Amino acid sequence: MASFKITGGRQLCGEIVPQGAKNEALQILCAVLLTKEVVTIHNIPNIRDVNKLMELLEDMGVRRSKIKEGTYQFQAEDVNFDFFETEAYKEKASALRGSIMLLGPMLARFGKGKAPRPGGDKIGRRPLDTHFVGFQKLGAEFIYDPNDAFYTVEGSRMKGAYVWMDEISVTGTANVLMAAVMAEGTTTIYNAACEPYLQQLCKMLNSMGANISGVGSNLLIIKGVTQMGGCQHTMLPDMIEIGSFIGLAAMTQSAITIKNCQIPELGIIPDVFKKMGIEMEFRGDDIHVPAQDNYRISTLIDGSILTVYDAPWPGFTPDLISIILVTAIQAKGTVLIHQKMFESRLFFVDKLIDMGAQIILCDPHRATVIGLDRAFNLKGIRMTSPDIRAGVSLLIAALSAQGTSIIDNIEQIDRGYQHIDTRLNAIGAEIVRL
């Protein structure tokens, strides 16, 4: 287990380039299984979860070649189905939440797929029923063996159907969408997720020969095709990293310019940070966050306390709730943070309270943050990262604190943030990897 040793209280200054979007990468990489032709993907982030998924694809028989940093070619001409019966497959796939999205493309192209119950962040219940109900609507048979925790889907003659997504799930929508692109007839997916990641996946699939309309809405219409071809695809910058850097700049009173943000794809993310009192300048496609001595949380029109909550896109992404919470610590004012989707995602606030933050954990979904307004600084402590987003929130708190902090279990952070210590050290942070 590795750790970060952070010397806090330093102002940062400079430019930082966000990595490719982690959540997009996990979908896009699974989609290479839909064709035997070459697929070239640009701006792939060099992070633990993505690298492990690419290694898993190679183990399955997908040829991978590196063109340059962040750009790879994939060709899934020969897939080794014997590998799915091995302990190696079970071990590697179960460690990745994104591995569940292998099932949709495997089902579409080969009529069968097999995956173990996936791992990922421990942030509460994350049911997979939406995925398998969607497959069943298309005519696939779902088999689950509780003794070995393997999910199996079989459907050699899938047909288009009306699919109601009972949960607005990004991964569920992506999985059913990929399963439907080669199903006979027309599939309608209603109550679909419409995040930019999903829009990117739809654009990629259409460039491979799929026929998907309604992209960007919650109603997707897929007319099945007989085969898919190769393509080139460039991934978006990671909106969660961009939001993390905005929060970091505010907490550390730093002047940071975030480069190449593709601002139109960020939705309301900048607006929510503005409600926290954080100033931003849009310079072309860059976001400049100036150094601020203080920032004030907005109130509602009648003076009531602001509530920030997550919601399906185009609402505020749940992956930035932890960042908003930690950013509020040194603001002037009070905010209620309501994490609706995951019931265990706010449990990391006990570490922030130990550092000196004024936070009331109301219940598993809600926390009230009373801003310190720089009246005193957080103090460095030793803590453990429970998940990706909480880990980076703790890192932001540590960088703003007086003294030295140690964050253990930083493998969680490495799962979602590319060389975060190296990149932040380049603009003035002091982070040592132990």
Protein backbone atom coordinates (compact mmCIF):
# COMPACT_ATOMS: atom_id res chain seq x y z
CA MET A 1 0.00 0.00 0.00
CA ALA A 2 1.38 3.41 -1.01
CA SER A 3 0.87 6.77 0.68
CA PHE A 4 1.17 10.49 -0.04
CA LYS A 5 3.07 12.78 2.33
CA ILE A 6 1.74 16.30 1.80
CA THR A 7 3.20 19.52 3.11
CA GLY A 8 0.27 21.90 3.15
CA GLY A 9 -0.14 25.66 3.18
CA ARG A 10 1.56 26.32 -0.16
CA GLN A 11 0.03 28.49 -2.85
CA LEU A 12 0.11 26.93 -6.29
CA CYS A 13 0.51 28.78 -9.57
CA GLY A 14 0.60 27.70 -13.18
CA GLU A 15 -1.14 25.75 -15.90
CA ILE A 16 -2.47 22.20 -15.73
CA VAL A 17 -3.93 20.03 -18.48
CA PRO A 18 -6.80 17.68 -17.56
CA GLN A 19 -6.46 14.03 -18.50
CA GLY A 20 -8.85 12.17 -20.78
CA ALA A 21 -12.18 11.34 -19.16
CA LYS A 22 -11.97 8.19 -17.01
CA ASN A 23 -15.68 7.39 -17.16
CA GLU A 24 -15.73 7.78 -20.93
CA ALA A 25 -12.66 5.60 -21.36
CA LEU A 26 -14.22 2.61 -19.60
CA GLN A 27 -17.15 2.62 -22.05
CA ILE A 28 -15.14 3.42 -25.17
CA LEU A 29 -12.60 0.66 -24.54
CA CYS A 30 -15.31 -1.98 -24.14
CA ALA A 31 -16.80 -0.89 -27.47
CA VAL A 32 -13.71 -2.08 -29.39
CA LEU A 33 -15.11 -5.62 -28.98
CA LEU A 34 -17.94 -4.76 -31.40
CA THR A 35 -15.73 -5.06 -34.49
CA LYS A 36 -12.85 -7.09 -35.88
CA GLU A 37 -11.48 -3.97 -37.56
CA VAL A 38 -8.92 -1.53 -36.13
CA VAL A 39 -10.16 1.10 -33.66
CA THR A 40 -7.88 4.04 -32.78
CA ILE A 41 -8.56 5.97 -29.58
CA HIS A 42 -6.88 9.25 -28.61
CA ASN A 43 -6.49 10.98 -25.22
CA ILE A 44 -6.69 7.80 -23.12
CA PRO A 45 -5.77 8.62 -19.49
CA ASN A 46 -2.84 6.78 -17.94
CA ILE A 47 -4.67 5.69 -14.77
CA ARG A 48 -4.97 2.43 -12.90
CA ASP A 49 -8.56 1.48 -13.82
CA VAL A 50 -8.10 2.23 -17.52
CA ASN A 51 -4.74 0.47 -17.75
CA LYS A 52 -6.16 -2.62 -16.05
CA LEU A 53 -9.09 -2.69 -18.49
CA MET A 54 -6.72 -2.46 -21.46
CA GLU A 55 -4.64 -5.31 -20.00
CA LEU A 56 -7.83 -7.34 -19.57
CA LEU A 57 -8.76 -6.75 -23.23
CA GLU A 58 -5.31 -7.98 -24.25
CA ASP A 59 -5.76 -11.11 -22.13
CA MET A 60 -9.02 -11.68 -24.00
CA GLY A 61 -7.14 -11.66 -27.32
CA VAL A 62 -7.51 -8.02 -28.36
CA ARG A 63 -4.37 -6.71 -30.05
CA ARG A 64 -3.20 -3.37 -28.64
CA SER A 65 -0.45 -1.15 -30.01
CA LYS A 66 0.69 2.18 -28.63
CA ILE A 67 0.95 4.91 -31.27
CA LYS A 68 2.04 7.66 -28.89
CA GLU A 69 1.33 8.76 -25.33
CA GLY A 70 -2.42 8.51 -24.84
CA THR A 71 -3.14 7.03 -28.29
CA TYR A 72 -3.65 3.30 -28.89
CA GLN A 73 -4.91 1.06 -31.66
CA PHE A 74 -7.07 -1.96 -30.82
CA GLN A 75 -8.16 -4.90 -32.93
CA ALA A 76 -10.52 -7.53 -31.53
CA GLU A 77 -10.23 -9.91 -34.49
CA ASP A 78 -9.82 -13.07 -32.42
CA VAL A 79 -11.37 -13.19 -28.95
CA ASN A 80 -10.33 -16.11 -26.73
CA PHE A 81 -13.50 -17.35 -25.04
CA ASP A 82 -11.55 -19.97 -23.09
CA PHE A 83 -10.03 -17.12 -21.08
CA PHE A 84 -13.46 -16.30 -19.59
CA GLU A 85 -13.42 -19.62 -17.74
CA THR A 86 -10.13 -18.95 -15.99
CA GLU A 87 -9.42 -17.74 -12.47
CA ALA A 88 -7.23 -15.01 -13.98
CA TYR A 89 -10.24 -13.51 -15.78
CA LYS A 90 -12.38 -13.69 -12.66
CA GLU A 91 -9.70 -12.04 -10.54
CA LYS A 92 -8.89 -9.22 -12.97
CA ALA A 93 -12.45 -8.44 -14.08
CA SER A 94 -13.88 -8.50 -10.56
CA ALA A 95 -11.42 -5.78 -9.53
CA LEU A 96 -12.86 -3.37 -12.11
CA ARG A 97 -16.27 -1.72 -11.98
CA GLY A 98 -16.03 -1.01 -15.71
CA SER A 99 -15.64 -4.68 -16.61
CA ILE A 100 -19.43 -5.12 -16.47
CA MET A 101 -19.62 -3.12 -19.73
CA LEU A 102 -17.82 -5.92 -21.57
CA LEU A 103 -21.11 -7.84 -21.58
CA GLY A 104 -23.05 -5.56 -23.94
CA PRO A 105 -20.59 -5.64 -26.87
CA MET A 106 -19.85 -9.35 -26.34
CA LEU A 107 -23.56 -10.11 -26.44
CA ALA A 108 -24.05 -8.00 -29.59
CA ARG A 109 -21.18 -9.50 -31.57
CA PHE A 110 -20.85 -13.03 -30.25
CA GLY A 111 -24.27 -13.75 -28.77
CA LYS A 112 -22.83 -14.51 -25.34
CA GLY A 113 -20.86 -12.92 -22.55
CA LYS A 114 -19.59 -13.69 -19.09
CA ALA A 115 -18.35 -11.45 -16.31
CA PRO A 116 -17.81 -11.70 -12.54
CA ARG A 117 -19.49 -9.37 -10.10
CA PRO A 118 -17.44 -6.18 -10.47
CA GLY A 119 -15.54 -4.25 -7.83
CA GLY A 120 -14.87 -0.50 -7.72
CA ASP A 121 -15.49 2.16 -5.10
CA LYS A 122 -17.12 1.19 -1.81
CA ILE A 123 -19.69 3.98 -1.85
CA GLY A 124 -22.87 2.05 -1.15
CA ARG A 125 -25.21 -0.21 -3.09
CA ARG A 126 -24.67 -0.17 -6.87
CA PRO A 127 -27.24 -2.61 -8.29
CA LEU A 128 -26.82 -4.05 -11.78
CA ASP A 129 -30.44 -5.00 -12.41
CA THR A 130 -30.85 -2.24 -15.03
CA HIS A 131 -28.16 -3.84 -17.19
CA PHE A 132 -29.62 -7.33 -17.15
CA VAL A 133 -33.28 -6.33 -17.47
CA GLY A 134 -32.25 -4.42 -20.60
CA PHE A 135 -30.49 -7.47 -22.02
CA GLN A 136 -33.54 -9.61 -21.29
CA LYS A 137 -35.80 -7.14 -23.10
CA LEU A 138 -33.62 -7.67 -26.17
CA GLY A 139 -34.12 -11.42 -25.91
CA ALA A 140 -31.04 -12.49 -24.00
CA GLU A 141 -31.09 -15.07 -21.23
CA PHE A 142 -29.55 -14.04 -17.92
CA ILE A 143 -27.87 -16.61 -15.66
CA TYR A 144 -26.29 -15.89 -12.30
CA ASP A 145 -24.36 -18.44 -10.28
CA PRO A 146 -24.13 -17.20 -6.67
CA ASN A 147 -21.51 -19.84 -5.88
CA ASP A 148 -18.88 -18.30 -8.13
CA ALA A 149 -20.47 -14.80 -8.50
CA PHE A 150 -20.45 -14.98 -12.31
CA TYR A 151 -22.99 -13.29 -14.56
CA THR A 152 -23.66 -15.00 -17.90
CA VAL A 153 -25.78 -13.65 -20.76
CA GLU A 154 -26.71 -15.59 -23.88
CA GLY A 155 -28.66 -14.25 -26.85
CA SER A 156 -27.78 -15.39 -30.35
CA ARG A 157 -30.96 -13.95 -31.91
CA MET A 158 -31.59 -10.69 -30.18
CA LYS A 159 -34.29 -8.39 -31.49
CA GLY A 160 -35.01 -4.73 -30.99
CA ALA A 161 -37.40 -3.84 -28.17
CA TYR A 162 -38.75 -1.03 -26.04
CA VAL A 163 -36.45 -0.72 -23.03
CA TRP A 164 -37.46 1.41 -20.06
CA MET A 165 -34.45 2.17 -17.85
CA ASP A 166 -35.83 2.02 -14.32
CA GLU A 167 -32.61 3.70 -13.16
CA ILE A 168 -30.92 6.53 -15.07
CA SER A 169 -27.65 4.61 -15.09
CA VAL A 170 -24.73 5.72 -17.27
CA THR A 171 -23.10 2.29 -17.35
CA GLY A 172 -26.47 0.56 -17.68
CA THR A 173 -27.45 2.73 -20.65
CA ALA A 174 -24.04 2.19 -22.26
CA ASN A 175 -24.26 -1.58 -21.83
CA VAL A 176 -27.78 -1.93 -23.24
CA LEU A 177 -26.94 0.50 -26.04
CA MET A 178 -23.92 -1.55 -27.13
CA ALA A 179 -25.95 -4.76 -26.93
CA ALA A 180 -28.66 -3.24 -29.16
CA VAL A 181 -26.57 -1.86 -32.03
CA MET A 182 -26.61 -5.20 -33.89
CA ALA A 183 -29.98 -6.51 -32.68
CA GLU A 184 -32.52 -7.13 -35.43
CA GLY A 185 -35.03 -4.28 -35.82
CA THR A 186 -35.40 -1.10 -33.76
CA THR A 187 -34.63 -0.63 -30.08
CA THR A 188 -35.97 2.31 -28.09
CA ILE A 189 -34.21 3.13 -24.82
CA TYR A 190 -36.29 5.54 -22.73
CA ASN A 191 -35.14 7.23 -19.52
CA ALA A 192 -31.61 6.80 -20.83
CA ALA A 193 -28.65 8.57 -19.25
CA CYS A 194 -27.42 11.39 -21.47
CA GLU A 195 -24.08 12.41 -19.91
CA PRO A 196 -21.37 13.67 -22.29
CA TYR A 197 -19.70 10.25 -21.84
CA LEU A 198 -22.81 8.60 -23.29
CA GLN A 199 -22.97 11.14 -26.10
CA GLN A 200 -19.34 10.38 -26.92
CA LEU A 201 -20.06 6.64 -26.97
CA CYS A 202 -23.01 7.19 -29.32
CA LYS A 203 -20.86 9.29 -31.65
CA MET A 204 -18.18 6.60 -31.68
CA LEU A 205 -20.69 3.82 -32.35
CA ASN A 206 -22.26 5.80 -35.19
CA SER A 207 -18.82 6.31 -36.73
CA MET A 208 -18.40 2.50 -36.54
CA GLY A 209 -21.59 2.05 -38.55
CA ALA A 210 -24.33 2.01 -35.92
CA ASN A 211 -27.59 3.87 -36.44
CA ILE A 212 -28.37 5.75 -33.22
CA SER A 213 -30.57 8.85 -33.02
CA GLY A 214 -31.65 10.99 -30.09
CA VAL A 215 -28.05 11.47 -28.92
CA GLY A 216 -27.96 13.90 -26.00
CA SER A 217 -31.56 13.19 -24.95
CA ASN A 218 -33.11 10.58 -22.66
CA LEU A 219 -34.72 8.81 -25.63
CA LEU A 220 -32.34 6.78 -27.80
CA ILE A 221 -33.51 5.02 -30.95
CA ILE A 222 -31.22 2.32 -32.32
CA LYS A 223 -31.82 0.67 -35.68
CA GLY A 224 -29.88 -2.58 -35.73
CA VAL A 225 -27.10 -3.12 -38.26
CA THR A 226 -25.48 -6.38 -39.34
CA GLN A 227 -21.88 -5.46 -38.57
CA MET A 228 -19.65 -2.72 -37.20
CA GLY A 229 -16.40 -1.31 -38.58
CA GLY A 230 -13.32 0.45 -37.31
CA CYS A 231 -13.04 4.14 -36.42
CA GLN A 232 -10.98 6.87 -34.80
CA HIS A 233 -12.21 8.50 -31.61
CA THR A 234 -10.88 11.30 -29.39
CA MET A 235 -11.98 11.38 -25.77
CA LEU A 236 -13.14 14.46 -23.87
CA PRO A 237 -11.08 15.98 -21.04
CA ASP A 238 -12.15 14.67 -17.65
CA MET A 239 -14.82 16.99 -16.21
CA ILE A 240 -14.22 15.56 -12.72
CA GLU A 241 -10.56 16.53 -12.87
CA ILE A 242 -11.50 20.00 -14.08
CA GLY A 243 -13.90 20.43 -11.15
CA SER A 244 -11.26 19.07 -8.75
CA PHE A 245 -8.73 21.66 -9.94
CA ILE A 246 -11.26 24.49 -9.53
CA GLY A 247 -11.88 23.42 -5.93
CA LEU A 248 -8.15 23.00 -5.31
CA ALA A 249 -7.43 26.54 -6.52
CA ALA A 250 -10.06 28.01 -4.20
CA MET A 251 -8.99 26.06 -1.11
CA THR A 252 -5.28 26.83 -1.53
CA GLN A 253 -5.77 30.48 -2.62
CA SER A 254 -3.96 29.64 -5.84
CA ALA A 255 -4.00 31.02 -9.37
CA ILE A 256 -4.43 28.05 -11.69
CA THR A 257 -5.23 27.91 -15.40
CA ILE A 258 -6.90 24.68 -16.52
CA LYS A 259 -6.16 24.15 -20.20
CA ASN A 260 -8.31 22.74 -23.03
CA CYS A 261 -11.46 22.16 -20.96
CA GLN A 262 -14.03 21.89 -23.78
CA ILE A 263 -16.18 24.22 -21.69
CA PRO A 264 -19.48 23.62 -23.59
CA GLU A 265 -19.33 19.97 -22.45
CA LEU A 266 -19.11 20.89 -18.74
CA GLY A 267 -22.81 21.73 -18.39
CA ILE A 268 -23.64 23.42 -15.07
CA ILE A 269 -20.37 22.45 -13.34
CA PRO A 270 -18.83 25.97 -13.56
CA ASP A 271 -22.13 27.51 -12.40
CA VAL A 272 -22.20 25.38 -9.24
CA PHE A 273 -18.66 26.43 -8.33
CA LYS A 274 -19.67 30.05 -8.97
CA LYS A 275 -22.48 29.58 -6.43
CA MET A 276 -19.74 28.64 -3.98
CA GLY A 277 -18.27 32.11 -4.61
CA ILE A 278 -15.36 30.96 -6.76
CA GLU A 279 -14.32 33.38 -9.48
CA MET A 280 -13.49 32.01 -12.92
CA GLU A 281 -12.43 33.49 -16.23
CA PHE A 282 -13.06 31.65 -19.49
CA ARG A 283 -10.13 32.30 -21.80
CA GLY A 284 -11.08 30.62 -25.02
CA ASP A 285 -11.30 26.96 -23.98
CA ASP A 286 -9.23 27.47 -20.82
CA ILE A 287 -10.56 28.18 -17.32
CA HIS A 288 -8.48 30.55 -15.19
CA VAL A 289 -9.18 30.52 -11.45
CA PRO A 290 -7.54 33.57 -9.85
CA ALA A 291 -6.14 33.52 -6.32
CA GLN A 292 -8.91 34.53 -3.89
CA ASP A 293 -8.43 35.50 -0.26
CA ASN A 294 -12.10 34.74 0.43
CA TYR A 295 -15.14 33.34 -1.35
CA ARG A 296 -18.76 33.53 -0.22
CA ILE A 297 -21.42 30.83 -0.67
CA SER A 298 -24.59 32.12 -2.33
CA THR A 299 -27.94 31.90 -0.57
CA LEU A 300 -31.36 31.33 -2.07
CA ILE A 301 -33.46 34.36 -3.04
CA ASP A 302 -35.17 34.41 0.37
CA GLY A 303 -31.86 34.12 2.20
CA SER A 304 -32.18 30.38 2.89
CA ILE A 305 -29.15 28.10 2.98
CA LEU A 306 -27.99 26.86 -0.40
CA THR A 307 -28.37 23.14 -1.14
CA VAL A 308 -26.05 21.45 -3.64
CA TYR A 309 -27.27 18.05 -4.78
CA ASP A 310 -26.45 15.55 -7.50
CA ALA A 311 -28.85 14.66 -10.30
CA PRO A 312 -28.80 12.84 -13.64
CA TRP A 313 -27.30 14.89 -16.46
CA PRO A 314 -27.77 17.75 -17.21
CA GLY A 315 -27.91 18.02 -13.40
CA PHE A 316 -24.78 18.19 -11.23
CA THR A 317 -22.62 15.09 -11.46
CA PRO A 318 -22.39 13.00 -8.24
CA ASP A 319 -18.65 12.55 -8.77
CA LEU A 320 -18.07 16.21 -7.82
CA ILE A 321 -20.17 16.27 -4.65
CA SER A 322 -17.14 15.35 -2.52
CA ILE A 323 -15.12 18.16 -4.15
CA ILE A 324 -17.86 20.75 -3.51
CA LEU A 325 -18.05 19.62 0.11
CA VAL A 326 -14.35 20.07 0.78
CA THR A 327 -14.28 23.38 -1.11
CA ALA A 328 -17.00 24.75 1.20
CA ILE A 329 -14.81 24.26 4.28
CA GLN A 330 -12.97 27.59 3.89
CA ALA A 331 -15.86 29.55 2.31
CA LYS A 332 -17.89 32.21 4.05
CA GLY A 333 -21.39 30.88 4.64
CA THR A 334 -23.15 27.55 5.01
CA VAL A 335 -24.20 24.91 2.47
CA LEU A 336 -26.17 21.68 2.68
CA ILE A 337 -24.60 18.92 0.60
CA HIS A 338 -27.12 16.28 -0.51
CA GLN A 339 -25.58 13.18 -2.11
CA LYS A 340 -28.69 11.41 -3.39
CA MET A 341 -27.21 8.56 -5.36
CA PHE A 342 -24.79 6.79 -2.99
CA GLU A 343 -25.41 6.29 0.70
CA SER A 344 -21.77 5.80 1.77
CA ARG A 345 -20.04 8.55 -0.16
CA LEU A 346 -20.08 11.16 2.61
CA PHE A 347 -18.56 8.97 5.31
CA PHE A 348 -15.09 10.43 4.69
CA VAL A 349 -16.11 13.70 6.41
CA ASP A 350 -14.89 12.36 9.77
CA LYS A 351 -11.33 12.92 8.52
CA LEU A 352 -12.16 16.50 7.55
CA ILE A 353 -13.69 17.08 10.99
CA ASP A 354 -10.47 15.77 12.57
CA MET A 355 -8.60 18.36 10.49
CA GLY A 356 -10.77 21.12 11.96
CA ALA A 357 -13.61 21.44 9.47
CA GLN A 358 -17.05 22.37 10.78
CA ILE A 359 -19.29 19.73 9.24
CA ILE A 360 -22.46 18.10 10.56
CA LEU A 361 -23.15 14.70 9.00
CA CYS A 362 -26.95 14.71 9.08
CA ASP A 363 -27.43 11.19 7.68
CA PRO A 364 -25.72 8.98 5.05
CA HIS A 365 -26.89 11.29 2.27
CA ARG A 366 -26.60 14.81 3.73
CA ALA A 367 -23.95 16.95 5.35
CA THR A 368 -24.03 20.60 6.43
CA VAL A 369 -20.77 22.51 6.00
CA ILE A 370 -20.29 25.70 8.01
CA GLY A 371 -17.55 27.62 6.26
CA LEU A 372 -14.54 28.74 8.29
CA ASP A 373 -13.91 31.83 6.11
CA ARG A 374 -10.16 31.45 6.79
CA ALA A 375 -10.70 32.18 10.51
CA PHE A 376 -8.29 29.32 11.10
CA ASN A 377 -6.54 26.71 8.96
CA LEU A 378 -7.08 23.01 8.78
CA LYS A 379 -4.34 20.97 10.43
CA GLY A 380 -2.44 18.08 8.88
CA ILE A 381 -3.30 14.55 10.03
CA ARG A 382 -2.91 10.94 8.88
CA MET A 383 -5.91 9.50 7.03
CA THR A 384 -6.95 6.81 4.55
CA SER A 385 -8.55 7.28 1.14
CA PRO A 386 -11.82 5.28 0.97
CA ASP A 387 -12.60 5.90 -2.71
CA ILE A 388 -11.37 7.89 -5.73
CA ARG A 389 -13.31 11.12 -5.22
CA ALA A 390 -13.02 11.20 -1.44
CA GLY A 391 -9.29 10.56 -1.84
CA VAL A 392 -8.80 13.64 -3.99
CA SER A 393 -11.01 15.67 -1.65
CA LEU A 394 -8.73 14.69 1.23
CA LEU A 395 -5.72 15.60 -0.92
CA ILE A 396 -7.21 19.07 -1.53
CA ALA A 397 -7.82 19.48 2.21
CA ALA A 398 -4.26 18.38 3.00
CA LEU A 399 -2.77 20.81 0.46
CA SER A 400 -4.69 23.67 2.13
CA ALA A 401 -3.83 22.62 5.70
CA GLN A 402 -1.02 23.76 7.97
CA GLY A 403 1.58 21.11 8.63
CA THR A 404 2.07 17.65 7.18
CA SER A 405 -0.59 15.13 6.23
CA ILE A 406 -0.26 11.52 5.16
CA ILE A 407 -2.92 9.86 3.01
CA ASP A 408 -2.80 6.07 2.91
CA ASN A 409 -4.35 3.77 0.30
CA ILE A 410 -3.59 6.20 -2.54
CA GLU A 411 -4.11 3.36 -5.01
CA GLN A 412 -7.71 4.59 -4.87
CA ILE A 413 -6.61 8.02 -6.12
CA ASP A 414 -4.39 6.45 -8.80
CA ARG A 415 -7.44 4.62 -10.14
CA GLY A 416 -8.88 7.91 -11.37
CA TYR A 417 -6.19 10.61 -11.48
CA GLN A 418 -3.17 10.45 -13.78
CA HIS A 419 0.20 11.20 -12.08
CA ILE A 420 -1.65 13.61 -9.78
CA ASP A 421 1.36 14.11 -7.49
CA THR A 422 3.75 14.88 -10.37
CA ARG A 423 1.37 17.29 -12.05
CA LEU A 424 0.53 19.20 -8.87
CA ASN A 425 4.17 19.34 -7.79
CA ALA A 426 4.92 21.00 -11.14
CA ILE A 427 2.76 23.98 -10.12
CA GLY A 428 4.09 24.31 -6.60
CA ALA A 429 2.64 21.54 -4.45
CA GLU A 430 4.82 19.43 -2.14
CA ILE A 431 3.61 15.84 -2.39
CA VAL A 432 5.93 12.88 -1.77
CA ARG A 433 4.88 9.36 -2.79
CA LEU A 434 5.89 6.90 -0.07
